[in-house]
């Protein structure tokens, strides 16, 4: 593959991963502590509607990040090269974030979205949010690793 193709792939991988990273880091550092201060009804309404929108829009960015990072692994020479190993590390970070989302956060999102849609506050609203919060640090950390590795790929691309 040409170096310009690798440059385009790493740019798209960084941009798409950056969108997911920004959301998760914002929730880990800002939204999570702020949402601890609101009542359960407000918590359910705000997060239910946020998740409804985010769960419809964010998969495009996550899928793009995964596909471009996976493609990048092959275009930069795979395992024998430093950029290839860094791309694989980035892919591991993205997959870790995705697994935590699918296994823990997504079921909470669905319950909060349904509750907000029907203007119902579940009796376990705070426990639901605590479950979601339990993986946001892991998700943000995994995405930090992924972005750092993708930056490493970009810095080690042949000119």
C-alpha atoms as a PDB file:
ATOM      1  CA  UNK A   1       0.000   0.000   0.000  1.00  0.00           C
ATOM      2  CA  UNK A   2       1.117   3.529  -0.634  1.00  0.00           C
ATOM      3  CA  UNK A   3       2.153   5.731   2.293  1.00  0.00           C
ATOM      4  CA  UNK A   4      -0.611   8.200   1.412  1.00  0.00           C
ATOM      5  CA  UNK A   5      -3.242   5.427   1.810  1.00  0.00           C
ATOM      6  CA  UNK A   6      -1.858   4.652   5.284  1.00  0.00           C
ATOM      7  CA  UNK A   7      -1.919   8.349   6.136  1.00  0.00           C
ATOM      8  CA  UNK A   8      -5.589   8.603   5.182  1.00  0.00           C
ATOM      9  CA  UNK A   9      -6.462   5.496   7.163  1.00  0.00           C
ATOM     10  CA  UNK A  10      -4.689   6.703  10.301  1.00  0.00           C
ATOM     11  CA  UNK A  11      -6.327  10.126   9.974  1.00  0.00           C
ATOM     12  CA  UNK A  12      -9.825   8.616   9.733  1.00  0.00           C
ATOM     13  CA  UNK A  13      -9.033   6.152  12.543  1.00  0.00           C
ATOM     14  CA  UNK A  14      -7.878   9.020  14.771  1.00  0.00           C
ATOM     15  CA  UNK A  15     -10.872  11.212  13.989  1.00  0.00           C
ATOM     16  CA  UNK A  16     -13.486   8.494  14.455  1.00  0.00           C
ATOM     17  CA  UNK A  17     -11.815   7.118  17.581  1.00  0.00           C
ATOM     18  CA  UNK A  18     -11.482  10.673  18.844  1.00  0.00           C
ATOM     19  CA  UNK A  19     -15.241  11.191  18.736  1.00  0.00           C
ATOM     20  CA  UNK A  20     -15.843   8.100  20.891  1.00  0.00           C
ATOM     21  CA  UNK A  21     -12.917   9.019  23.149  1.00  0.00           C
ATOM     22  CA  UNK A  22     -14.245  12.538  23.694  1.00  0.00           C
ATOM     23  CA  UNK A  23     -17.687  11.287  24.694  1.00  0.00           C
ATOM     24  CA  UNK A  24     -16.379   8.661  27.110  1.00  0.00           C
ATOM     25  CA  UNK A  25     -13.793  10.949  28.704  1.00  0.00           C
ATOM     26  CA  UNK A  26     -16.418  13.684  29.105  1.00  0.00           C
ATOM     27  CA  UNK A  27     -18.724  11.251  30.886  1.00  0.00           C
ATOM     28  CA  UNK A  28     -15.904   9.873  33.061  1.00  0.00           C
ATOM     29  CA  UNK A  29     -14.627  13.287  34.150  1.00  0.00           C
ATOM     30  CA  UNK A  30     -17.620  15.642  33.971  1.00  0.00           C
ATOM     31  CA  UNK A  31     -21.030  14.045  33.545  1.00  0.00           C
ATOM     32  CA  UNK A  32     -20.590  11.179  36.009  1.00  0.00           C
ATOM     33  CA  UNK A  33     -19.802  13.375  39.035  1.00  0.00           C
ATOM     34  CA  UNK A  34     -22.407  15.972  37.992  1.00  0.00           C
ATOM     35  CA  UNK A  35     -25.144  13.367  37.598  1.00  0.00           C
ATOM     36  CA  UNK A  36     -24.557  12.143  41.151  1.00  0.00           C
ATOM     37  CA  UNK A  37     -26.084  15.454  42.288  1.00  0.00           C
ATOM     38  CA  UNK A  38     -29.468  15.053  40.575  1.00  0.00           C
ATOM     39  CA  UNK A  39     -32.558  13.168  41.664  1.00  0.00           C
ATOM     40  CA  UNK A  40     -33.468   9.802  40.121  1.00  0.00           C
ATOM     41  CA  UNK A  41     -36.238  11.196  37.909  1.00  0.00           C
ATOM     42  CA  UNK A  42     -33.928  13.809  36.383  1.00  0.00           C
ATOM     43  CA  UNK A  43     -31.180  11.225  36.035  1.00  0.00           C
ATOM     44  CA  UNK A  44     -33.489   8.854  34.173  1.00  0.00           C
ATOM     45  CA  UNK A  45     -34.943  11.513  31.897  1.00  0.00           C
ATOM     46  CA  UNK A  46     -31.648  13.132  30.933  1.00  0.00           C
ATOM     47  CA  UNK A  47     -29.679   9.934  30.439  1.00  0.00           C
ATOM     48  CA  UNK A  48     -32.519   8.049  28.798  1.00  0.00           C
ATOM     49  CA  UNK A  49     -32.871  10.700  26.124  1.00  0.00           C
ATOM     50  CA  UNK A  50     -29.094  11.144  25.752  1.00  0.00           C
ATOM     51  CA  UNK A  51     -28.663   7.404  25.267  1.00  0.00           C
ATOM     52  CA  UNK A  52     -31.477   7.289  22.715  1.00  0.00           C
ATOM     53  CA  UNK A  53     -29.646   9.822  20.565  1.00  0.00           C
ATOM     54  CA  UNK A  54     -26.127   8.519  21.231  1.00  0.00           C
ATOM     55  CA  UNK A  55     -27.016   4.879  20.628  1.00  0.00           C
ATOM     56  CA  UNK A  56     -28.398   5.866  17.233  1.00  0.00           C
ATOM     57  CA  UNK A  57     -25.405   7.995  16.181  1.00  0.00           C
ATOM     58  CA  UNK A  58     -22.271   6.677  17.868  1.00  0.00           C
ATOM     59  CA  UNK A  59     -22.096   3.244  16.177  1.00  0.00           C
ATOM     60  CA  UNK A  60     -21.058   4.953  12.927  1.00  0.00           C
ATOM     61  CA  UNK A  61     -17.984   6.407  14.630  1.00  0.00           C
ATOM     62  CA  UNK A  62     -17.153   3.210  16.502  1.00  0.00           C
ATOM     63  CA  UNK A  63     -17.479   1.016  13.412  1.00  0.00           C
ATOM     64  CA  UNK A  64     -15.403   3.443  11.361  1.00  0.00           C
ATOM     65  CA  UNK A  65     -12.708   3.453  14.039  1.00  0.00           C
ATOM     66  CA  UNK A  66     -12.619  -0.357  14.176  1.00  0.00           C
ATOM     67  CA  UNK A  67     -12.570  -0.836  10.398  1.00  0.00           C
ATOM     68  CA  UNK A  68      -9.945   1.804   9.676  1.00  0.00           C
ATOM     69  CA  UNK A  69      -7.724   0.661  12.538  1.00  0.00           C
ATOM     70  CA  UNK A  70      -8.003  -2.957  11.385  1.00  0.00           C
ATOM     71  CA  UNK A  71      -7.228  -1.925   7.812  1.00  0.00           C
ATOM     72  CA  UNK A  72      -4.338   0.166   9.051  1.00  0.00           C
ATOM     73  CA  UNK A  73      -2.769  -2.913  10.650  1.00  0.00           C
ATOM     74  CA  UNK A  74      -2.500  -4.512   7.223  1.00  0.00           C
ATOM     75  CA  UNK A  75      -1.520  -1.418   5.229  1.00  0.00           C
ATOM     76  CA  UNK A  76       1.439  -0.619   7.490  1.00  0.00           C
ATOM     77  CA  UNK A  77       2.916  -4.104   7.238  1.00  0.00           C
ATOM     78  CA  UNK A  78       1.221  -6.075  10.009  1.00  0.00           C
ATOM     79  CA  UNK A  79       2.919  -7.631  13.011  1.00  0.00           C
ATOM     80  CA  UNK A  80       6.561  -7.398  11.794  1.00  0.00           C
ATOM     81  CA  UNK A  81       6.464  -3.588  11.847  1.00  0.00           C
ATOM     82  CA  UNK A  82       6.242  -1.162  14.760  1.00  0.00           C
ATOM     83  CA  UNK A  83       3.313   0.698  13.161  1.00  0.00           C
ATOM     84  CA  UNK A  84       1.570  -2.645  12.663  1.00  0.00           C
ATOM     85  CA  UNK A  85       1.993  -3.599  16.304  1.00  0.00           C
ATOM     86  CA  UNK A  86       0.799  -0.150  17.385  1.00  0.00           C
ATOM     87  CA  UNK A  87      -2.281  -0.490  15.160  1.00  0.00           C
ATOM     88  CA  UNK A  88      -2.982  -3.856  16.766  1.00  0.00           C
ATOM     89  CA  UNK A  89      -2.635  -2.272  20.221  1.00  0.00           C
ATOM     90  CA  UNK A  90      -5.080   0.456  19.152  1.00  0.00           C
ATOM     91  CA  UNK A  91      -7.487  -2.215  17.916  1.00  0.00           C
ATOM     92  CA  UNK A  92      -7.229  -3.997  21.282  1.00  0.00           C
ATOM     93  CA  UNK A  93      -8.122  -0.734  23.047  1.00  0.00           C
ATOM     94  CA  UNK A  94     -11.099  -0.163  20.774  1.00  0.00           C
ATOM     95  CA  UNK A  95     -12.327  -3.727  21.238  1.00  0.00           C
ATOM     96  CA  UNK A  96     -11.946  -3.458  25.028  1.00  0.00           C
ATOM     97  CA  UNK A  97     -14.075  -0.313  25.030  1.00  0.00           C
ATOM     98  CA  UNK A  98     -16.657  -1.988  22.791  1.00  0.00           C
ATOM     99  CA  UNK A  99     -16.852  -5.085  25.004  1.00  0.00           C
ATOM    100  CA  UNK A 100     -17.405  -2.973  28.138  1.00  0.00           C
ATOM    101  CA  UNK A 101     -20.067  -1.003  26.309  1.00  0.00           C
ATOM    102  CA  UNK A 102     -21.930  -4.022  24.923  1.00  0.00           C
ATOM    103  CA  UNK A 103     -21.745  -6.132  28.077  1.00  0.00           C
ATOM    104  CA  UNK A 104     -22.422  -3.482  30.724  1.00  0.00           C
ATOM    105  CA  UNK A 105     -23.393  -0.049  29.420  1.00  0.00           C
ATOM    106  CA  UNK A 106     -25.713  -0.911  26.536  1.00  0.00           C
ATOM    107  CA  UNK A 107     -28.224  -2.877  28.648  1.00  0.00           C
ATOM    108  CA  UNK A 108     -28.379   0.063  31.068  1.00  0.00           C
ATOM    109  CA  UNK A 109     -28.823   2.473  28.152  1.00  0.00           C
ATOM    110  CA  UNK A 110     -31.782   0.452  26.881  1.00  0.00           C
ATOM    111  CA  UNK A 111     -33.501   0.441  30.273  1.00  0.00           C
ATOM    112  CA  UNK A 112     -32.904   4.160  30.812  1.00  0.00           C
ATOM    113  CA  UNK A 113     -34.127   4.976  27.301  1.00  0.00           C
ATOM    114  CA  UNK A 114     -37.307   2.939  27.764  1.00  0.00           C
ATOM    115  CA  UNK A 115     -37.940   4.521  31.156  1.00  0.00           C
ATOM    116  CA  UNK A 116     -37.440   8.045  29.787  1.00  0.00           C
ATOM    117  CA  UNK A 117     -39.661   7.332  26.787  1.00  0.00           C
ATOM    118  CA  UNK A 118     -42.516   6.225  29.044  1.00  0.00           C
ATOM    119  CA  UNK A 119     -41.743   8.902  31.666  1.00  0.00           C
ATOM    120  CA  UNK A 120     -41.164   6.255  34.304  1.00  0.00           C
ATOM    121  CA  UNK A 121     -38.462   6.294  36.962  1.00  0.00           C
ATOM    122  CA  UNK A 122     -37.279   2.779  37.752  1.00  0.00           C
ATOM    123  CA  UNK A 123     -36.941   1.979  41.459  1.00  0.00           C
ATOM    124  CA  UNK A 124     -33.317   0.990  40.796  1.00  0.00           C
ATOM    125  CA  UNK A 125     -32.448   4.127  38.784  1.00  0.00           C
ATOM    126  CA  UNK A 126     -29.369   4.942  40.881  1.00  0.00           C
ATOM    127  CA  UNK A 127     -28.170   1.320  40.836  1.00  0.00           C
ATOM    128  CA  UNK A 128     -28.544   1.276  37.041  1.00  0.00           C
ATOM    129  CA  UNK A 129     -26.390   4.368  36.787  1.00  0.00           C
ATOM    130  CA  UNK A 130     -23.841   2.896  39.195  1.00  0.00           C
ATOM    131  CA  UNK A 131     -23.601  -0.156  36.916  1.00  0.00           C
ATOM    132  CA  UNK A 132     -23.038   2.084  33.886  1.00  0.00           C
ATOM    133  CA  UNK A 133     -20.473   4.119  35.836  1.00  0.00           C
ATOM    134  CA  UNK A 134     -18.591   0.947  36.798  1.00  0.00           C
ATOM    135  CA  UNK A 135     -17.066   0.658  33.311  1.00  0.00           C
ATOM    136  CA  UNK A 136     -16.705   4.266  32.158  1.00  0.00           C
ATOM    137  CA  UNK A 137     -13.168   4.501  33.559  1.00  0.00           C
ATOM    138  CA  UNK A 138     -12.198   1.298  31.746  1.00  0.00           C
ATOM    139  CA  UNK A 139     -13.788   2.563  28.548  1.00  0.00           C
ATOM    140  CA  UNK A 140     -12.044   5.935  28.722  1.00  0.00           C
ATOM    141  CA  UNK A 141      -8.725   4.274  29.588  1.00  0.00           C
ATOM    142  CA  UNK A 142      -8.998   1.781  26.730  1.00  0.00           C
ATOM    143  CA  UNK A 143      -9.733   4.612  24.323  1.00  0.00           C
ATOM    144  CA  UNK A 144      -6.796   6.630  25.653  1.00  0.00           C
ATOM    145  CA  UNK A 145      -4.566   3.641  24.881  1.00  0.00           C
ATOM    146  CA  UNK A 146      -6.118   3.320  21.408  1.00  0.00           C
ATOM    147  CA  UNK A 147      -5.575   6.984  20.567  1.00  0.00           C
ATOM    148  CA  UNK A 148      -2.019   6.984  21.892  1.00  0.00           C
ATOM    149  CA  UNK A 149      -1.245   3.919  19.785  1.00  0.00           C
ATOM    150  CA  UNK A 150      -2.808   5.505  16.691  1.00  0.00           C
ATOM    151  CA  UNK A 151      -0.716   8.631  17.242  1.00  0.00           C
ATOM    152  CA  UNK A 152       2.284   6.304  17.444  1.00  0.00           C
ATOM    153  CA  UNK A 153       1.303   4.789  14.105  1.00  0.00           C
ATOM    154  CA  UNK A 154       1.004   8.252  12.567  1.00  0.00           C
ATOM    155  CA  UNK A 155       4.438   9.233  13.869  1.00  0.00           C
ATOM    156  CA  UNK A 156       6.047   6.078  12.485  1.00  0.00           C
ATOM    157  CA  UNK A 157       4.557   6.058   9.002  1.00  0.00           C
ATOM    158  CA  UNK A 158       7.065   6.042   6.166  1.00  0.00           C
ATOM    159  CA  UNK A 159       7.384   9.422   4.477  1.00  0.00           C
END
